[in-house]
Amino acid sequence: MPSPSFIFGFILATLYGAVFHLIVGGDARRLALFLLAGWLGFLLGHVLGWLLNIRILDIGPVHTLTATVGAWLALFAARLLTGAPPADKDTDGKTKSL
């Protein structure tokens, strides 16, 4: 059974990815990308906080500040690398107008 700190970190990273997707938009594939980026960034940020012994805003064994910064950096990097989401198009290939 996973530890409570692992579950807490997983929930925070998932929340970051979902909120980022809510802000920038996109389809289900972009949601999956942002969730993966949030998880990976959170993990890398947590490990970096552990290696550098940064103890600001720790919640139990989770290095929350560095993990949060890592998650958001990974989310912005994923957004930068994938570009803007494609515009909605009609069946004839023209962009929909409102």
N, C-alpha and C. Protein backbone atom coordinates (compact mmCIF):
# COMPACT_ATOMS: atom_id res chain seq x y z
N MET A 1 0.84 -1.18 0.00
CA MET A 1 0.00 0.00 0.00
C MET A 1 0.89 1.25 0.00
N PRO A 2 0.59 2.22 -0.88
CA PRO A 2 1.41 3.44 -0.94
C PRO A 2 1.31 4.25 0.35
N SER A 3 2.39 4.94 0.64
CA SER A 3 2.40 5.76 1.86
C SER A 3 1.53 7.00 1.68
N PRO A 4 1.09 7.59 2.78
CA PRO A 4 0.27 8.80 2.70
C PRO A 4 0.99 9.97 2.02
N SER A 5 2.30 10.07 2.21
CA SER A 5 3.04 11.16 1.56
C SER A 5 3.10 10.96 0.05
N PHE A 6 3.19 9.72 -0.42
CA PHE A 6 3.16 9.45 -1.85
C PHE A 6 1.80 9.82 -2.43
N ILE A 7 0.74 9.45 -1.74
CA ILE A 7 -0.61 9.77 -2.21
C ILE A 7 -0.82 11.28 -2.22
N PHE A 8 -0.35 11.97 -1.19
CA PHE A 8 -0.46 13.42 -1.13
C PHE A 8 0.27 14.08 -2.30
N GLY A 9 1.49 13.65 -2.58
CA GLY A 9 2.25 14.19 -3.70
C GLY A 9 1.58 13.89 -5.03
N PHE A 10 1.04 12.69 -5.17
CA PHE A 10 0.35 12.32 -6.40
C PHE A 10 -0.89 13.18 -6.62
N ILE A 11 -1.63 13.44 -5.56
CA ILE A 11 -2.83 14.28 -5.66
C ILE A 11 -2.45 15.71 -6.02
N LEU A 12 -1.41 16.25 -5.37
CA LEU A 12 -0.98 17.61 -5.69
C LEU A 12 -0.52 17.73 -7.14
N ALA A 13 0.30 16.79 -7.60
CA ALA A 13 0.79 16.83 -8.98
C ALA A 13 -0.34 16.69 -9.98
N THR A 14 -1.31 15.82 -9.69
CA THR A 14 -2.47 15.66 -10.56
C THR A 14 -3.29 16.94 -10.59
N LEU A 15 -3.46 17.56 -9.45
CA LEU A 15 -4.20 18.82 -9.38
C LEU A 15 -3.50 19.91 -10.19
N TYR A 16 -2.18 20.00 -10.09
CA TYR A 16 -1.44 20.99 -10.88
C TYR A 16 -1.64 20.76 -12.38
N GLY A 17 -1.54 19.52 -12.82
CA GLY A 17 -1.73 19.22 -14.24
C GLY A 17 -3.14 19.51 -14.71
N ALA A 18 -4.13 19.19 -13.89
CA ALA A 18 -5.52 19.44 -14.27
C ALA A 18 -5.84 20.93 -14.31
N VAL A 19 -5.35 21.68 -13.35
CA VAL A 19 -5.58 23.13 -13.34
C VAL A 19 -4.88 23.79 -14.52
N PHE A 20 -3.68 23.34 -14.84
CA PHE A 20 -2.97 23.89 -15.99
C PHE A 20 -3.75 23.61 -17.27
N HIS A 21 -4.29 22.40 -17.40
CA HIS A 21 -5.10 22.07 -18.57
C HIS A 21 -6.37 22.92 -18.62
N LEU A 22 -6.97 23.19 -17.49
CA LEU A 22 -8.15 24.03 -17.43
C LEU A 22 -7.83 25.44 -17.90
N ILE A 23 -6.65 25.94 -17.57
CA ILE A 23 -6.26 27.30 -17.94
C ILE A 23 -5.92 27.39 -19.43
N VAL A 24 -5.08 26.47 -19.94
CA VAL A 24 -4.62 26.59 -21.32
C VAL A 24 -5.51 25.87 -22.31
N GLY A 25 -6.32 24.93 -21.87
CA GLY A 25 -7.24 24.23 -22.75
C GLY A 25 -6.59 23.12 -23.55
N GLY A 26 -7.40 22.48 -24.38
CA GLY A 26 -6.91 21.39 -25.21
C GLY A 26 -7.79 20.16 -25.09
N ASP A 27 -7.40 19.13 -25.81
CA ASP A 27 -8.18 17.89 -25.83
C ASP A 27 -7.67 16.92 -24.77
N ALA A 28 -8.16 15.69 -24.83
CA ALA A 28 -7.81 14.69 -23.82
C ALA A 28 -6.33 14.30 -23.90
N ARG A 29 -5.76 14.33 -25.09
CA ARG A 29 -4.33 14.00 -25.20
C ARG A 29 -3.47 15.04 -24.49
N ARG A 30 -3.87 16.30 -24.60
CA ARG A 30 -3.11 17.34 -23.91
C ARG A 30 -3.30 17.23 -22.40
N LEU A 31 -4.49 16.81 -21.95
CA LEU A 31 -4.69 16.58 -20.52
C LEU A 31 -3.75 15.49 -20.03
N ALA A 32 -3.64 14.39 -20.80
CA ALA A 32 -2.73 13.31 -20.42
C ALA A 32 -1.29 13.81 -20.39
N LEU A 33 -0.91 14.62 -21.38
CA LEU A 33 0.44 15.18 -21.41
C LEU A 33 0.71 16.05 -20.20
N PHE A 34 -0.25 16.91 -19.85
CA PHE A 34 -0.06 17.79 -18.71
C PHE A 34 -0.04 17.02 -17.40
N LEU A 35 -0.82 15.97 -17.30
CA LEU A 35 -0.76 15.15 -16.08
C LEU A 35 0.60 14.49 -15.95
N LEU A 36 1.10 13.92 -17.05
CA LEU A 36 2.42 13.29 -17.01
C LEU A 36 3.52 14.31 -16.70
N ALA A 37 3.43 15.49 -17.31
CA ALA A 37 4.42 16.53 -17.04
C ALA A 37 4.35 16.97 -15.58
N GLY A 38 3.15 17.09 -15.04
CA GLY A 38 3.01 17.47 -13.63
C GLY A 38 3.60 16.44 -12.69
N TRP A 39 3.33 15.16 -12.98
CA TRP A 39 3.89 14.09 -12.15
C TRP A 39 5.41 14.05 -12.22
N LEU A 40 5.94 14.12 -13.43
CA LEU A 40 7.40 14.04 -13.60
C LEU A 40 8.08 15.26 -12.99
N GLY A 41 7.53 16.45 -13.24
CA GLY A 41 8.11 17.66 -12.67
C GLY A 41 8.05 17.67 -11.15
N PHE A 42 6.94 17.19 -10.60
CA PHE A 42 6.80 17.12 -9.15
C PHE A 42 7.85 16.17 -8.57
N LEU A 43 8.03 15.02 -9.21
CA LEU A 43 9.02 14.06 -8.74
C LEU A 43 10.44 14.64 -8.82
N LEU A 44 10.78 15.24 -9.94
CA LEU A 44 12.12 15.81 -10.10
C LEU A 44 12.35 16.97 -9.13
N GLY A 45 11.33 17.80 -8.92
CA GLY A 45 11.46 18.89 -7.96
C GLY A 45 11.62 18.39 -6.53
N HIS A 46 10.89 17.34 -6.20
CA HIS A 46 11.01 16.75 -4.86
C HIS A 46 12.42 16.18 -4.65
N VAL A 47 12.92 15.46 -5.64
CA VAL A 47 14.26 14.88 -5.53
C VAL A 47 15.31 15.98 -5.44
N LEU A 48 15.15 17.04 -6.22
CA LEU A 48 16.09 18.15 -6.15
C LEU A 48 16.07 18.80 -4.77
N GLY A 49 14.89 18.97 -4.20
CA GLY A 49 14.79 19.52 -2.85
C GLY A 49 15.44 18.62 -1.82
N TRP A 50 15.31 17.32 -2.02
CA TRP A 50 15.94 16.36 -1.11
C TRP A 50 17.47 16.39 -1.25
N LEU A 51 17.95 16.45 -2.50
CA LEU A 51 19.40 16.47 -2.73
C LEU A 51 20.05 17.75 -2.21
N LEU A 52 19.38 18.89 -2.40
CA LEU A 52 19.93 20.17 -1.97
C LEU A 52 19.53 20.53 -0.54
N ASN A 53 18.77 19.66 0.10
CA ASN A 53 18.35 19.84 1.49
C ASN A 53 17.59 21.15 1.69
N ILE A 54 16.67 21.44 0.78
CA ILE A 54 15.84 22.63 0.88
C ILE A 54 14.61 22.25 1.71
N ARG A 55 14.42 22.90 2.83
CA ARG A 55 13.36 22.52 3.76
C ARG A 55 12.31 23.62 3.93
N ILE A 56 12.06 24.38 2.89
CA ILE A 56 11.06 25.44 2.95
C ILE A 56 9.71 24.85 2.54
N LEU A 57 8.69 25.03 3.34
CA LEU A 57 7.33 24.55 3.10
C LEU A 57 7.24 23.04 2.94
N ASP A 58 8.04 22.31 3.67
CA ASP A 58 7.92 20.86 3.67
C ASP A 58 6.64 20.45 4.40
N ILE A 59 5.97 19.47 3.85
CA ILE A 59 4.82 18.88 4.52
C ILE A 59 5.17 17.41 4.74
N GLY A 60 5.53 17.09 5.96
CA GLY A 60 6.03 15.75 6.24
C GLY A 60 7.31 15.52 5.45
N PRO A 61 7.45 14.37 4.79
CA PRO A 61 8.65 14.12 4.02
C PRO A 61 8.61 14.70 2.60
N VAL A 62 7.52 15.37 2.24
CA VAL A 62 7.38 15.91 0.88
C VAL A 62 7.96 17.32 0.84
N HIS A 63 8.91 17.55 -0.06
CA HIS A 63 9.49 18.88 -0.28
C HIS A 63 8.55 19.65 -1.20
N THR A 64 7.53 20.24 -0.59
CA THR A 64 6.41 20.79 -1.34
C THR A 64 6.81 21.97 -2.22
N LEU A 65 7.62 22.88 -1.72
CA LEU A 65 7.99 24.06 -2.51
C LEU A 65 8.76 23.66 -3.76
N THR A 66 9.82 22.90 -3.61
CA THR A 66 10.62 22.53 -4.77
C THR A 66 9.85 21.62 -5.72
N ALA A 67 9.01 20.75 -5.17
CA ALA A 67 8.20 19.88 -6.01
C ALA A 67 7.17 20.68 -6.81
N THR A 68 6.57 21.67 -6.18
CA THR A 68 5.60 22.52 -6.87
C THR A 68 6.27 23.33 -7.97
N VAL A 69 7.41 23.90 -7.68
CA VAL A 69 8.15 24.65 -8.70
C VAL A 69 8.54 23.73 -9.85
N GLY A 70 9.00 22.53 -9.53
CA GLY A 70 9.36 21.57 -10.58
C GLY A 70 8.17 21.19 -11.44
N ALA A 71 7.01 21.00 -10.82
CA ALA A 71 5.81 20.63 -11.57
C ALA A 71 5.41 21.75 -12.52
N TRP A 72 5.38 22.98 -12.04
CA TRP A 72 4.96 24.10 -12.89
C TRP A 72 5.98 24.37 -14.00
N LEU A 73 7.26 24.21 -13.71
CA LEU A 73 8.27 24.36 -14.77
C LEU A 73 8.08 23.30 -15.85
N ALA A 74 7.81 22.08 -15.44
CA ALA A 74 7.58 21.00 -16.41
C ALA A 74 6.31 21.25 -17.21
N LEU A 75 5.29 21.78 -16.57
CA LEU A 75 4.04 22.07 -17.28
C LEU A 75 4.25 23.18 -18.32
N PHE A 76 4.95 24.23 -17.95
CA PHE A 76 5.22 25.29 -18.91
C PHE A 76 6.13 24.81 -20.04
N ALA A 77 7.08 23.94 -19.72
CA ALA A 77 7.94 23.38 -20.76
C ALA A 77 7.13 22.51 -21.73
N ALA A 78 6.21 21.73 -21.20
CA ALA A 78 5.36 20.90 -22.06
C ALA A 78 4.50 21.78 -22.96
N ARG A 79 3.98 22.85 -22.42
CA ARG A 79 3.16 23.78 -23.21
C ARG A 79 3.99 24.45 -24.29
N LEU A 80 5.20 24.86 -23.94
CA LEU A 80 6.10 25.50 -24.91
C LEU A 80 6.49 24.54 -26.03
N LEU A 81 6.79 23.32 -25.68
CA LEU A 81 7.25 22.34 -26.66
C LEU A 81 6.15 21.83 -27.57
N THR A 82 4.91 21.84 -27.11
CA THR A 82 3.82 21.33 -27.93
C THR A 82 3.12 22.43 -28.71
N GLY A 83 3.32 23.68 -28.36
CA GLY A 83 2.66 24.77 -29.07
C GLY A 83 1.22 24.93 -28.64
N ALA A 84 0.52 25.79 -29.36
CA ALA A 84 -0.89 26.06 -29.05
C ALA A 84 -1.76 24.90 -29.49
N PRO A 85 -2.88 24.66 -28.79
CA PRO A 85 -3.79 23.59 -29.24
C PRO A 85 -4.38 23.94 -30.60
N PRO A 86 -4.65 22.95 -31.44
CA PRO A 86 -5.21 23.24 -32.75
C PRO A 86 -6.60 23.86 -32.65
N ALA A 87 -6.90 24.74 -33.59
CA ALA A 87 -8.21 25.39 -33.61
C ALA A 87 -9.27 24.41 -34.08
N ASP A 88 -10.50 24.60 -33.61
CA ASP A 88 -11.62 23.77 -34.07
C ASP A 88 -11.91 24.07 -35.53
N LYS A 89 -12.14 23.02 -36.31
CA LYS A 89 -12.44 23.21 -37.72
C LYS A 89 -13.74 22.51 -38.08
N ASP A 90 -14.44 23.09 -39.05
CA ASP A 90 -15.64 22.47 -39.58
C ASP A 90 -15.25 21.29 -40.45
N THR A 91 -16.23 20.56 -40.94
CA THR A 91 -15.97 19.41 -41.80
C THR A 91 -15.35 19.82 -43.13
N ASP A 92 -15.55 21.05 -43.56
CA ASP A 92 -14.97 21.49 -44.84
C ASP A 92 -13.57 22.06 -44.66
N GLY A 93 -13.00 22.04 -43.43
CA GLY A 93 -11.64 22.48 -43.20
C GLY A 93 -11.51 23.93 -42.81
N LYS A 94 -12.60 24.66 -42.74
CA LYS A 94 -12.54 26.07 -42.35
C LYS A 94 -12.67 26.20 -40.84
N THR A 95 -12.01 27.20 -40.31
CA THR A 95 -12.08 27.45 -38.88
C THR A 95 -13.47 27.93 -38.50
N LYS A 96 -13.98 27.40 -37.40
CA LYS A 96 -15.32 27.80 -36.94
C LYS A 96 -15.28 29.24 -36.47
N SER A 97 -16.36 29.95 -36.77
CA SER A 97 -16.48 31.32 -36.28
C SER A 97 -17.65 31.38 -35.31
N LEU A 98 -17.53 32.27 -34.36
CA LEU A 98 -18.57 32.39 -33.34
C LEU A 98 -19.62 33.34 -33.74
